[in-house]
Amino acid sequence: MIRTTLCLIGLLCAVSGAASAVQIEQETFGCKSMADATQLLRLGQATDLTDYDTRLQKLVRAGECRIWTAADAVTVEDEGDGLVCLASSGMRQTCYWSAPEARRLAQP
């Protein structure tokens, strides 16, 4: 019972502080699915990026992934499994999993 209560308190604290403004440092992608984001990150580490480019463009056309540029304002909605979930600022209903090193905290 106590353990459950502590977990619930931790979860509530995490949720209340999860959304923070960030600025994209470089062009990056985000996917609705953690599996797609992880697969693209692996493909992006290869020497030949042909498979990465092909897969990313296919997922973007399908609406599963999107690409952000340095000019886009985003919010960090969640973090997990080495990824961050980004959403366009002002449009928090859809979040896209991305690499955490692709963003930096914005100045208040």
PDB file of N, CA and C in Angstrom:
ATOM      1  N   MET A   1       0.819  -1.191   0.000  1.00  0.00           N
ATOM      2  CA  MET A   1       0.000   0.000   0.000  1.00  0.00           C
ATOM      3  C   MET A   1       0.871   1.266   0.000  1.00  0.00           C
ATOM      4  N   ILE A   2       1.845   1.302   0.899  1.00  0.00           N
ATOM      5  CA  ILE A   2       2.735   2.459   0.965  1.00  0.00           C
ATOM      6  C   ILE A   2       3.537   2.575  -0.327  1.00  0.00           C
ATOM      7  N   ARG A   3       3.992   1.440  -0.819  1.00  0.00           N
ATOM      8  CA  ARG A   3       4.769   1.435  -2.063  1.00  0.00           C
ATOM      9  C   ARG A   3       3.944   1.989  -3.228  1.00  0.00           C
ATOM     10  N   THR A   4       2.684   1.586  -3.305  1.00  0.00           N
ATOM     11  CA  THR A   4       1.788   2.063  -4.357  1.00  0.00           C
ATOM     12  C   THR A   4       1.569   3.564  -4.230  1.00  0.00           C
ATOM     13  N   THR A   5       1.391   4.038  -3.011  1.00  0.00           N
ATOM     14  CA  THR A   5       1.179   5.471  -2.781  1.00  0.00           C
ATOM     15  C   THR A   5       2.400   6.269  -3.198  1.00  0.00           C
ATOM     16  N   LEU A   6       3.592   5.791  -2.833  1.00  0.00           N
ATOM     17  CA  LEU A   6       4.818   6.487  -3.218  1.00  0.00           C
ATOM     18  C   LEU A   6       4.998   6.514  -4.730  1.00  0.00           C
ATOM     19  N   CYS A   7       4.689   5.403  -5.395  1.00  0.00           N
ATOM     20  CA  CYS A   7       4.780   5.357  -6.862  1.00  0.00           C
ATOM     21  C   CYS A   7       3.817   6.351  -7.490  1.00  0.00           C
ATOM     22  N   LEU A   8       2.604   6.435  -6.943  1.00  0.00           N
ATOM     23  CA  LEU A   8       1.599   7.353  -7.464  1.00  0.00           C
ATOM     24  C   LEU A   8       2.042   8.801  -7.277  1.00  0.00           C
ATOM     25  N   ILE A   9       2.609   9.120  -6.107  1.00  0.00           N
ATOM     26  CA  ILE A   9       3.101  10.478  -5.866  1.00  0.00           C
ATOM     27  C   ILE A   9       4.227  10.811  -6.842  1.00  0.00           C
ATOM     28  N   GLY A  10       5.144   9.869  -7.051  1.00  0.00           N
ATOM     29  CA  GLY A  10       6.226  10.084  -8.004  1.00  0.00           C
ATOM     30  C   GLY A  10       5.716  10.307  -9.406  1.00  0.00           C
ATOM     31  N   LEU A  11       4.719   9.540  -9.806  1.00  0.00           N
ATOM     32  CA  LEU A  11       4.129   9.683 -11.136  1.00  0.00           C
ATOM     33  C   LEU A  11       3.471  11.043 -11.297  1.00  0.00           C
ATOM     34  N   LEU A  12       2.738  11.483 -10.290  1.00  0.00           N
ATOM     35  CA  LEU A  12       2.085  12.788 -10.356  1.00  0.00           C
ATOM     36  C   LEU A  12       3.099  13.920 -10.445  1.00  0.00           C
ATOM     37  N   CYS A  13       4.182  13.813  -9.700  1.00  0.00           N
ATOM     38  CA  CYS A  13       5.240  14.834  -9.774  1.00  0.00           C
ATOM     39  C   CYS A  13       5.877  14.849 -11.149  1.00  0.00           C
ATOM     40  N   ALA A  14       6.112  13.688 -11.711  1.00  0.00           N
ATOM     41  CA  ALA A  14       6.725  13.592 -13.034  1.00  0.00           C
ATOM     42  C   ALA A  14       5.814  14.190 -14.099  1.00  0.00           C
ATOM     43  N   VAL A  15       4.523  13.910 -14.009  1.00  0.00           N
ATOM     44  CA  VAL A  15       3.571  14.411 -14.998  1.00  0.00           C
ATOM     45  C   VAL A  15       3.439  15.915 -14.899  1.00  0.00           C
ATOM     46  N   SER A  16       3.386  16.437 -13.680  1.00  0.00           N
ATOM     47  CA  SER A  16       3.190  17.880 -13.521  1.00  0.00           C
ATOM     48  C   SER A  16       4.389  18.676 -14.009  1.00  0.00           C
ATOM     49  N   GLY A  17       5.584  18.111 -13.966  1.00  0.00           N
ATOM     50  CA  GLY A  17       6.766  18.831 -14.410  1.00  0.00           C
ATOM     51  C   GLY A  17       7.292  18.364 -15.744  1.00  0.00           C
ATOM     52  N   ALA A  18       6.573  17.503 -16.444  1.00  0.00           N
ATOM     53  CA  ALA A  18       7.088  16.887 -17.661  1.00  0.00           C
ATOM     54  C   ALA A  18       7.206  17.861 -18.830  1.00  0.00           C
ATOM     55  N   ALA A  19       6.226  18.715 -19.036  1.00  0.00           N
ATOM     56  CA  ALA A  19       6.237  19.597 -20.199  1.00  0.00           C
ATOM     57  C   ALA A  19       7.170  20.775 -19.965  1.00  0.00           C
ATOM     58  N   SER A  20       8.210  20.884 -20.776  1.00  0.00           N
ATOM     59  CA  SER A  20       9.128  22.011 -20.684  1.00  0.00           C
ATOM     60  C   SER A  20       9.485  22.466 -22.089  1.00  0.00           C
ATOM     61  N   ALA A  21       9.624  23.771 -22.247  1.00  0.00           N
ATOM     62  CA  ALA A  21       9.929  24.332 -23.566  1.00  0.00           C
ATOM     63  C   ALA A  21      11.349  23.975 -23.965  1.00  0.00           C
ATOM     64  N   VAL A  22      11.515  23.595 -25.212  1.00  0.00           N
ATOM     65  CA  VAL A  22      12.848  23.286 -25.732  1.00  0.00           C
ATOM     66  C   VAL A  22      13.009  23.922 -27.101  1.00  0.00           C
ATOM     67  N   GLN A  23      14.250  24.113 -27.459  1.00  0.00           N
ATOM     68  CA  GLN A  23      14.601  24.606 -28.791  1.00  0.00           C
ATOM     69  C   GLN A  23      15.367  23.500 -29.495  1.00  0.00           C
ATOM     70  N   ILE A  24      14.984  23.171 -30.686  1.00  0.00           N
ATOM     71  CA  ILE A  24      15.673  22.152 -31.466  1.00  0.00           C
ATOM     72  C   ILE A  24      17.033  22.697 -31.891  1.00  0.00           C
ATOM     73  N   GLU A  25      18.088  21.943 -31.667  1.00  0.00           N
ATOM     74  CA  GLU A  25      19.438  22.372 -32.054  1.00  0.00           C
ATOM     75  C   GLU A  25      19.702  22.151 -33.532  1.00  0.00           C
ATOM     76  N   GLN A  26      19.148  21.076 -34.068  1.00  0.00           N
ATOM     77  CA  GLN A  26      19.373  20.734 -35.465  1.00  0.00           C
ATOM     78  C   GLN A  26      18.131  20.031 -35.975  1.00  0.00           C
ATOM     79  N   GLU A  27      18.035  19.887 -37.288  1.00  0.00           N
ATOM     80  CA  GLU A  27      16.888  19.166 -37.836  1.00  0.00           C
ATOM     81  C   GLU A  27      16.843  17.771 -37.238  1.00  0.00           C
ATOM     82  N   THR A  28      15.664  17.355 -36.824  1.00  0.00           N
ATOM     83  CA  THR A  28      15.497  16.038 -36.224  1.00  0.00           C
ATOM     84  C   THR A  28      14.131  15.483 -36.569  1.00  0.00           C
ATOM     85  N   PHE A  29      13.965  14.207 -36.354  1.00  0.00           N
ATOM     86  CA  PHE A  29      12.678  13.574 -36.611  1.00  0.00           C
ATOM     87  C   PHE A  29      12.047  13.181 -35.284  1.00  0.00           C
ATOM     88  N   GLY A  30      10.769  12.895 -35.337  1.00  0.00           N
ATOM     89  CA  GLY A  30      10.046  12.331 -34.210  1.00  0.00           C
ATOM     90  C   GLY A  30       8.989  11.405 -34.760  1.00  0.00           C
ATOM     91  N   CYS A  31       8.714  10.311 -34.043  1.00  0.00           N
ATOM     92  CA  CYS A  31       7.715   9.335 -34.495  1.00  0.00           C
ATOM     93  C   CYS A  31       6.696   9.071 -33.388  1.00  0.00           C
ATOM     94  N   LYS A  32       5.473   8.800 -33.779  1.00  0.00           N
ATOM     95  CA  LYS A  32       4.427   8.485 -32.811  1.00  0.00           C
ATOM     96  C   LYS A  32       4.736   7.189 -32.069  1.00  0.00           C
ATOM     97  N   SER A  33       5.452   6.291 -32.696  1.00  0.00           N
ATOM     98  CA  SER A  33       5.784   4.993 -32.126  1.00  0.00           C
ATOM     99  C   SER A  33       7.240   4.967 -31.661  1.00  0.00           C
ATOM    100  N   MET A  34       7.465   4.487 -30.438  1.00  0.00           N
ATOM    101  CA  MET A  34       8.837   4.341 -29.931  1.00  0.00           C
ATOM    102  C   MET A  34       9.620   3.350 -30.794  1.00  0.00           C
ATOM    103  N   ALA A  35       8.956   2.329 -31.286  1.00  0.00           N
ATOM    104  CA  ALA A  35       9.628   1.315 -32.109  1.00  0.00           C
ATOM    105  C   ALA A  35      10.163   1.931 -33.399  1.00  0.00           C
ATOM    106  N   ASP A  36       9.365   2.769 -34.051  1.00  0.00           N
ATOM    107  CA  ASP A  36       9.818   3.423 -35.281  1.00  0.00           C
ATOM    108  C   ASP A  36      10.970   4.384 -34.990  1.00  0.00           C
ATOM    109  N   ALA A  37      10.877   5.136 -33.896  1.00  0.00           N
ATOM    110  CA  ALA A  37      11.944   6.070 -33.541  1.00  0.00           C
ATOM    111  C   ALA A  37      13.246   5.325 -33.263  1.00  0.00           C
ATOM    112  N   THR A  38      13.163   4.236 -32.524  1.00  0.00           N
ATOM    113  CA  THR A  38      14.348   3.442 -32.206  1.00  0.00           C
ATOM    114  C   THR A  38      14.964   2.851 -33.468  1.00  0.00           C
ATOM    115  N   GLN A  39      14.116   2.341 -34.365  1.00  0.00           N
ATOM    116  CA  GLN A  39      14.612   1.775 -35.619  1.00  0.00           C
ATOM    117  C   GLN A  39      15.326   2.842 -36.451  1.00  0.00           C
ATOM    118  N   LEU A  40      14.749   4.033 -36.538  1.00  0.00           N
ATOM    119  CA  LEU A  40      15.374   5.103 -37.307  1.00  0.00           C
ATOM    120  C   LEU A  40      16.695   5.544 -36.681  1.00  0.00           C
ATOM    121  N   LEU A  41      16.759   5.586 -35.356  1.00  0.00           N
ATOM    122  CA  LEU A  41      18.013   5.953 -34.697  1.00  0.00           C
ATOM    123  C   LEU A  41      19.110   4.942 -35.013  1.00  0.00           C
ATOM    124  N   ARG A  42      18.754   3.655 -35.023  1.00  0.00           N
ATOM    125  CA  ARG A  42      19.735   2.616 -35.386  1.00  0.00           C
ATOM    126  C   ARG A  42      20.175   2.762 -36.833  1.00  0.00           C
ATOM    127  N   LEU A  43      19.216   2.980 -37.728  1.00  0.00           N
ATOM    128  CA  LEU A  43      19.553   3.149 -39.142  1.00  0.00           C
ATOM    129  C   LEU A  43      20.411   4.391 -39.360  1.00  0.00           C
ATOM    130  N   GLY A  44      20.176   5.445 -38.568  1.00  0.00           N
ATOM    131  CA  GLY A  44      20.933   6.681 -38.695  1.00  0.00           C
ATOM    132  C   GLY A  44      22.382   6.571 -38.256  1.00  0.00           C
ATOM    133  N   GLN A  45      22.718   5.513 -37.520  1.00  0.00           N
ATOM    134  CA  GLN A  45      24.087   5.310 -37.067  1.00  0.00           C
ATOM    135  C   GLN A  45      24.920   4.522 -38.071  1.00  0.00           C
ATOM    136  N   ALA A  46      24.286   4.029 -39.110  1.00  0.00           N
ATOM    137  CA  ALA A  46      24.993   3.238 -40.120  1.00  0.00           C
ATOM    138  C   ALA A  46      25.853   4.138 -41.005  1.00  0.00           C
ATOM    139  N   THR A  47      26.822   3.537 -41.655  1.00  0.00           N
ATOM    140  CA  THR A  47      27.694   4.271 -42.561  1.00  0.00           C
ATOM    141  C   THR A  47      26.924   4.730 -43.795  1.00  0.00           C
ATOM    142  N   ASP A  48      26.122   3.845 -44.349  1.00  0.00           N
ATOM    143  CA  ASP A  48      25.299   4.158 -45.519  1.00  0.00           C
ATOM    144  C   ASP A  48      23.909   4.556 -45.018  1.00  0.00           C
ATOM    145  N   LEU A  49      23.528   5.811 -45.234  1.00  0.00           N
ATOM    146  CA  LEU A  49      22.259   6.325 -44.713  1.00  0.00           C
ATOM    147  C   LEU A  49      21.088   6.163 -45.680  1.00  0.00           C
ATOM    148  N   THR A  50      21.266   5.389 -46.731  1.00  0.00           N
ATOM    149  CA  THR A  50      20.198   5.199 -47.715  1.00  0.00           C
ATOM    150  C   THR A  50      18.957   4.583 -47.076  1.00  0.00           C
ATOM    151  N   ASP A  51      19.135   3.531 -46.288  1.00  0.00           N
ATOM    152  CA  ASP A  51      17.998   2.884 -45.632  1.00  0.00           C
ATOM    153  C   ASP A  51      17.301   3.833 -44.660  1.00  0.00           C
ATOM    154  N   TYR A  52      18.096   4.636 -43.956  1.00  0.00           N
ATOM    155  CA  TYR A  52      17.549   5.617 -43.019  1.00  0.00           C
ATOM    156  C   TYR A  52      16.672   6.624 -43.768  1.00  0.00           C
ATOM    157  N   ASP A  53      17.213   7.217 -44.825  1.00  0.00           N
ATOM    158  CA  ASP A  53      16.467   8.213 -45.593  1.00  0.00           C
ATOM    159  C   ASP A  53      15.193   7.634 -46.190  1.00  0.00           C
ATOM    160  N   THR A  54      15.283   6.441 -46.756  1.00  0.00           N
ATOM    161  CA  THR A  54      14.125   5.793 -47.365  1.00  0.00           C
ATOM    162  C   THR A  54      13.040   5.525 -46.332  1.00  0.00           C
ATOM    163  N   ARG A  55      13.432   4.959 -45.194  1.00  0.00           N
ATOM    164  CA  ARG A  55      12.465   4.626 -44.129  1.00  0.00           C
ATOM    165  C   ARG A  55      11.841   5.889 -43.541  1.00  0.00           C
ATOM    166  N   LEU A  56      12.658   6.905 -43.289  1.00  0.00           N
ATOM    167  CA  LEU A  56      12.139   8.148 -42.720  1.00  0.00           C
ATOM    168  C   LEU A  56      11.124   8.793 -43.659  1.00  0.00           C
ATOM    169  N   GLN A  57      11.447   8.897 -44.934  1.00  0.00           N
ATOM    170  CA  GLN A  57      10.521   9.513 -45.884  1.00  0.00           C
ATOM    171  C   GLN A  57       9.213   8.733 -45.990  1.00  0.00           C
ATOM    172  N   LYS A  58       9.304   7.405 -45.945  1.00  0.00           N
ATOM    173  CA  LYS A  58       8.097   6.566 -45.988  1.00  0.00           C
ATOM    174  C   LYS A  58       7.222   6.834 -44.759  1.00  0.00           C
ATOM    175  N   LEU A  59       7.837   6.911 -43.578  1.00  0.00           N
ATOM    176  CA  LEU A  59       7.077   7.146 -42.344  1.00  0.00           C
ATOM    177  C   LEU A  59       6.517   8.571 -42.290  1.00  0.00           C
ATOM    178  N   VAL A  60       7.232   9.535 -42.843  1.00  0.00           N
ATOM    179  CA  VAL A  60       6.727  10.907 -42.891  1.00  0.00           C
ATOM    180  C   VAL A  60       5.511  10.986 -43.808  1.00  0.00           C
ATOM    181  N   ARG A  61       5.595  10.358 -44.978  1.00  0.00           N
ATOM    182  CA  ARG A  61       4.449  10.351 -45.906  1.00  0.00           C
ATOM    183  C   ARG A  61       3.233   9.667 -45.305  1.00  0.00           C
ATOM    184  N   ALA A  62       3.463   8.639 -44.472  1.00  0.00           N
ATOM    185  CA  ALA A  62       2.358   7.911 -43.834  1.00  0.00           C
ATOM    186  C   ALA A  62       1.780   8.665 -42.638  1.00  0.00           C
ATOM    187  N   GLY A  63       2.445   9.745 -42.213  1.00  0.00           N
ATOM    188  CA  GLY A  63       1.967  10.505 -41.062  1.00  0.00           C
ATOM    189  C   GLY A  63       2.413   9.925 -39.726  1.00  0.00           C
ATOM    190  N   GLU A  64       3.244   8.901 -39.754  1.00  0.00           N
ATOM    191  CA  GLU A  64       3.727   8.267 -38.526  1.00  0.00           C
ATOM    192  C   GLU A  64       4.852   9.084 -37.885  1.00  0.00           C
ATOM    193  N   CYS A  65       5.655   9.756 -38.697  1.00  0.00           N
ATOM    194  CA  CYS A  65       6.775  10.555 -38.204  1.00  0.00           C
ATOM    195  C   CYS A  65       6.698  11.950 -38.810  1.00  0.00           C
ATOM    196  N   ARG A  66       7.435  12.868 -38.199  1.00  0.00           N
ATOM    197  CA  ARG A  66       7.552  14.213 -38.745  1.00  0.00           C
ATOM    198  C   ARG A  66       8.968  14.705 -38.530  1.00  0.00           C
ATOM    199  N   ILE A  67       9.314  15.764 -39.232  1.00  0.00           N
ATOM    200  CA  ILE A  67      10.651  16.343 -39.132  1.00  0.00           C
ATOM    201  C   ILE A  67      10.511  17.764 -38.598  1.00  0.00           C
ATOM    202  N   TRP A  68      11.346  18.094 -37.590  1.00  0.00           N
ATOM    203  CA  TRP A  68      11.393  19.440 -37.054  1.00  0.00           C
ATOM    204  C   TRP A  68      12.686  20.110 -37.505  1.00  0.00           C
ATOM    205  N   THR A  69      12.637  21.422 -37.681  1.00  0.00           N
ATOM    206  CA  THR A  69      13.828  22.202 -37.993  1.00  0.00           C
ATOM    207  C   THR A  69      14.201  23.027 -36.761  1.00  0.00           C
ATOM    208  N   ALA A  70      15.335  23.710 -36.826  1.00  0.00           N
ATOM    209  CA  ALA A  70      15.800  24.517 -35.702  1.00  0.00           C
ATOM    210  C   ALA A  70      14.840  25.665 -35.391  1.00  0.00           C
ATOM    211  N   ALA A  71      13.997  26.043 -36.331  1.00  0.00           N
ATOM    212  CA  ALA A  71      13.056  27.146 -36.117  1.00  0.00           C
ATOM    213  C   ALA A  71      11.786  26.716 -35.389  1.00  0.00           C
ATOM    214  N   ASP A  72      11.538  25.414 -35.263  1.00  0.00           N
ATOM    215  CA  ASP A  72      10.305  24.926 -34.652  1.00  0.00           C
ATOM    216  C   ASP A  72      10.373  24.966 -33.127  1.00  0.00           C
ATOM    217  N   ALA A  73       9.300  25.451 -32.514  1.00  0.00           N
ATOM    218  CA  ALA A  73       9.184  25.454 -31.059  1.00  0.00           C
ATOM    219  C   ALA A  73       8.453  24.180 -30.631  1.00  0.00           C
ATOM    220  N   VAL A  74       9.030  23.474 -29.666  1.00  0.00           N
ATOM    221  CA  VAL A  74       8.437  22.219 -29.200  1.00  0.00           C
ATOM    222  C   VAL A  74       8.416  22.171 -27.677  1.00  0.00           C
ATOM    223  N   THR A  75       7.662  21.229 -27.149  1.00  0.00           N
ATOM    224  CA  THR A  75       7.618  20.968 -25.709  1.00  0.00           C
ATOM    225  C   THR A  75       7.967  19.514 -25.475  1.00  0.00           C
ATOM    226  N   VAL A  76       8.676  19.253 -24.391  1.00  0.00           N
ATOM    227  CA  VAL A  76       8.969  17.870 -24.004  1.00  0.00           C
ATOM    228  C   VAL A  76       7.779  17.388 -23.190  1.00  0.00           C
ATOM    229  N   GLU A  77       7.066  16.407 -23.712  1.00  0.00           N
ATOM    230  CA  GLU A  77       5.879  15.885 -23.046  1.00  0.00           C
ATOM    231  C   GLU A  77       6.198  14.712 -22.131  1.00  0.00           C
ATOM    232  N   ASP A  78       7.218  13.936 -22.473  1.00  0.00           N
ATOM    233  CA  ASP A  78       7.522  12.721 -21.712  1.00  0.00           C
ATOM    234  C   ASP A  78       8.942  12.286 -22.044  1.00  0.00           C
ATOM    235  N   GLU A  79       9.508  11.435 -21.200  1.00  0.00           N
ATOM    236  CA  GLU A  79      10.813  10.847 -21.456  1.00  0.00           C
ATOM    237  C   GLU A  79      10.760   9.385 -21.067  1.00  0.00           C
ATOM    238  N   GLY A  80      11.428   8.538 -21.839  1.00  0.00           N
ATOM    239  CA  GLY A  80      11.452   7.119 -21.514  1.00  0.00           C
ATOM    240  C   GLY A  80      12.248   6.316 -22.498  1.00  0.00           C
ATOM    241  N   ASP A  81      12.891   5.263 -22.008  1.00  0.00           N
ATOM    242  CA  ASP A  81      13.685   4.358 -22.841  1.00  0.00           C
ATOM    243  C   ASP A  81      14.709   5.082 -23.705  1.00  0.00           C
ATOM    244  N   GLY A  82      15.335   6.114 -23.154  1.00  0.00           N
ATOM    245  CA  GLY A  82      16.366   6.836 -23.895  1.00  0.00           C
ATOM    246  C   GLY A  82      15.836   7.762 -24.967  1.00  0.00           C
ATOM    247  N   LEU A  83      14.544   8.031 -24.960  1.00  0.00           N
ATOM    248  CA  LEU A  83      13.927   8.919 -25.942  1.00  0.00           C
ATOM    249  C   LEU A  83      13.165  10.026 -25.222  1.00  0.00           C
ATOM    250  N   VAL A  84      12.888  11.107 -25.926  1.00  0.00           N
ATOM    251  CA  VAL A  84      12.007  12.148 -25.405  1.00  0.00           C
ATOM    252  C   VAL A  84      10.812  12.257 -26.339  1.00  0.00           C
ATOM    253  N   CYS A  85       9.680  12.592 -25.777  1.00  0.00           N
ATOM    254  CA  CYS A  85       8.473  12.750 -26.583  1.00  0.00           C
ATOM    255  C   CYS A  85       8.222  14.242 -26.762  1.00  0.00           C
ATOM    256  N   LEU A  86       8.356  14.716 -28.000  1.00  0.00           N
ATOM    257  CA  LEU A  86       8.213  16.126 -28.328  1.00  0.00           C
ATOM    258  C   LEU A  86       6.866  16.391 -28.979  1.00  0.00           C
ATOM    259  N   ALA A  87       6.315  17.559 -28.676  1.00  0.00           N
ATOM    260  CA  ALA A  87       5.075  17.994 -29.312  1.00  0.00           C
ATOM    261  C   ALA A  87       5.268  19.440 -29.752  1.00  0.00           C
ATOM    262  N   SER A  88       4.601  19.814 -30.818  1.00  0.00           N
ATOM    263  CA  SER A  88       4.658  21.210 -31.249  1.00  0.00           C
ATOM    264  C   SER A  88       4.075  22.074 -30.148  1.00  0.00           C
ATOM    265  N   SER A  89       4.736  23.167 -29.823  1.00  0.00           N
ATOM    266  CA  SER A  89       4.236  24.058 -28.776  1.00  0.00           C
ATOM    267  C   SER A  89       2.840  24.529 -29.146  1.00  0.00           C
ATOM    268  N   GLY A  90       1.947  24.473 -28.178  1.00  0.00           N
ATOM    269  CA  GLY A  90       0.564  24.873 -28.408  1.00  0.00           C
ATOM    270  C   GLY A  90      -0.304  23.763 -28.970  1.00  0.00           C
ATOM    271  N   MET A  91       0.274  22.614 -29.335  1.00  0.00           N
ATOM    272  CA  MET A  91      -0.488  21.503 -29.896  1.00  0.00           C
ATOM    273  C   MET A  91      -0.063  20.217 -29.193  1.00  0.00           C
ATOM    274  N   ARG A  92      -0.370  20.085 -27.940  1.00  0.00           N
ATOM    275  CA  ARG A  92       0.117  18.981 -27.134  1.00  0.00           C
ATOM    276  C   ARG A  92      -0.620  17.663 -27.331  1.00  0.00           C
ATOM    277  N   GLN A  93      -1.604  17.609 -28.176  1.00  0.00           N
ATOM    278  CA  GLN A  93      -2.375  16.377 -28.299  1.00  0.00           C
ATOM    279  C   GLN A  93      -1.584  15.224 -28.924  1.00  0.00           C
ATOM    280  N   THR A  94      -0.622  15.500 -29.762  1.00  0.00           N
ATOM    281  CA  THR A  94       0.175  14.450 -30.393  1.00  0.00           C
ATOM    282  C   THR A  94       1.627  14.645 -30.027  1.00  0.00           C
ATOM    283  N   CYS A  95       2.252  13.586 -29.523  1.00  0.00           N
ATOM    284  CA  CYS A  95       3.657  13.693 -29.189  1.00  0.00           C
ATOM    285  C   CYS A  95       4.440  12.675 -30.015  1.00  0.00           C
ATOM    286  N   TYR A  96       5.660  13.045 -30.364  1.00  0.00           N
ATOM    287  CA  TYR A  96       6.507  12.250 -31.250  1.00  0.00           C
ATOM    288  C   TYR A  96       7.812  11.913 -30.533  1.00  0.00           C
ATOM    289  N   TRP A  97       8.175  10.630 -30.506  1.00  0.00           N
ATOM    290  CA  TRP A  97       9.393  10.177 -29.837  1.00  0.00           C
ATOM    291  C   TRP A  97      10.611  10.539 -30.669  1.00  0.00           C
ATOM    292  N   SER A  98      11.623  11.083 -30.000  1.00  0.00           N
ATOM    293  CA  SER A  98      12.825  11.557 -30.684  1.00  0.00           C
ATOM    294  C   SER A  98      14.047  11.317 -29.802  1.00  0.00           C
ATOM    295  N   ALA A  99      15.223  11.554 -30.363  1.00  0.00           N
ATOM    296  CA  ALA A  99      16.477  11.409 -29.614  1.00  0.00           C
ATOM    297  C   ALA A  99      16.652  12.603 -28.678  1.00  0.00           C
ATOM    298  N   PRO A 100      17.035  12.384 -27.428  1.00  0.00           N
ATOM    299  CA  PRO A 100      17.171  13.502 -26.486  1.00  0.00           C
ATOM    300  C   PRO A 100      18.277  14.482 -26.849  1.00  0.00           C
ATOM    301  N   GLU A 101      19.318  14.035 -27.544  1.00  0.00           N
ATOM    302  CA  GLU A 101      20.416  14.950 -27.875  1.00  0.00           C
ATOM    303  C   GLU A 101      20.066  15.906 -29.007  1.00  0.00           C
ATOM    304  N   ALA A 102      18.897  15.779 -29.598  1.00  0.00           N
ATOM    305  CA  ALA A 102      18.503  16.657 -30.699  1.00  0.00           C
ATOM    306  C   ALA A 102      17.897  17.964 -30.212  1.00  0.00           C
ATOM    307  N   ARG A 103      17.797  18.159 -28.922  1.00  0.00           N
ATOM    308  CA  ARG A 103      17.189  19.385 -28.393  1.00  0.00           C
ATOM    309  C   ARG A 103      18.017  19.900 -27.214  1.00  0.00           C
ATOM    310  N   ARG A 104      17.739  21.149 -26.847  1.00  0.00           N
ATOM    311  CA  ARG A 104      18.353  21.728 -25.654  1.00  0.00           C
ATOM    312  C   ARG A 104      17.288  22.565 -24.967  1.00  0.00           C
ATOM    313  N   LEU A 105      17.446  22.802 -23.674  1.00  0.00           N
ATOM    314  CA  LEU A 105      16.467  23.611 -22.945  1.00  0.00           C
ATOM    315  C   LEU A 105      16.492  25.037 -23.432  1.00  0.00           C
ATOM    316  N   ALA A 106      15.302  25.599 -23.617  1.00  0.00           N
ATOM    317  CA  ALA A 106      15.201  26.983 -24.056  1.00  0.00           C
ATOM    318  C   ALA A 106      15.429  27.911 -22.867  1.00  0.00           C
ATOM    319  N   GLN A 107      15.876  29.104 -23.150  1.00  0.00           N
ATOM    320  CA  GLN A 107      16.074  30.092 -22.100  1.00  0.00           C
ATOM    321  C   GLN A 107      14.725  30.663 -21.697  1.00  0.00           C
ATOM    322  N   PRO A 108      14.455  30.816 -20.392  1.00  0.00           N
ATOM    323  CA  PRO A 108      13.148  31.360 -19.950  1.00  0.00           C
ATOM    324  C   PRO A 108      12.991  32.822 -20.319  1.00  0.00           C
TER     325      PRO A 108
END
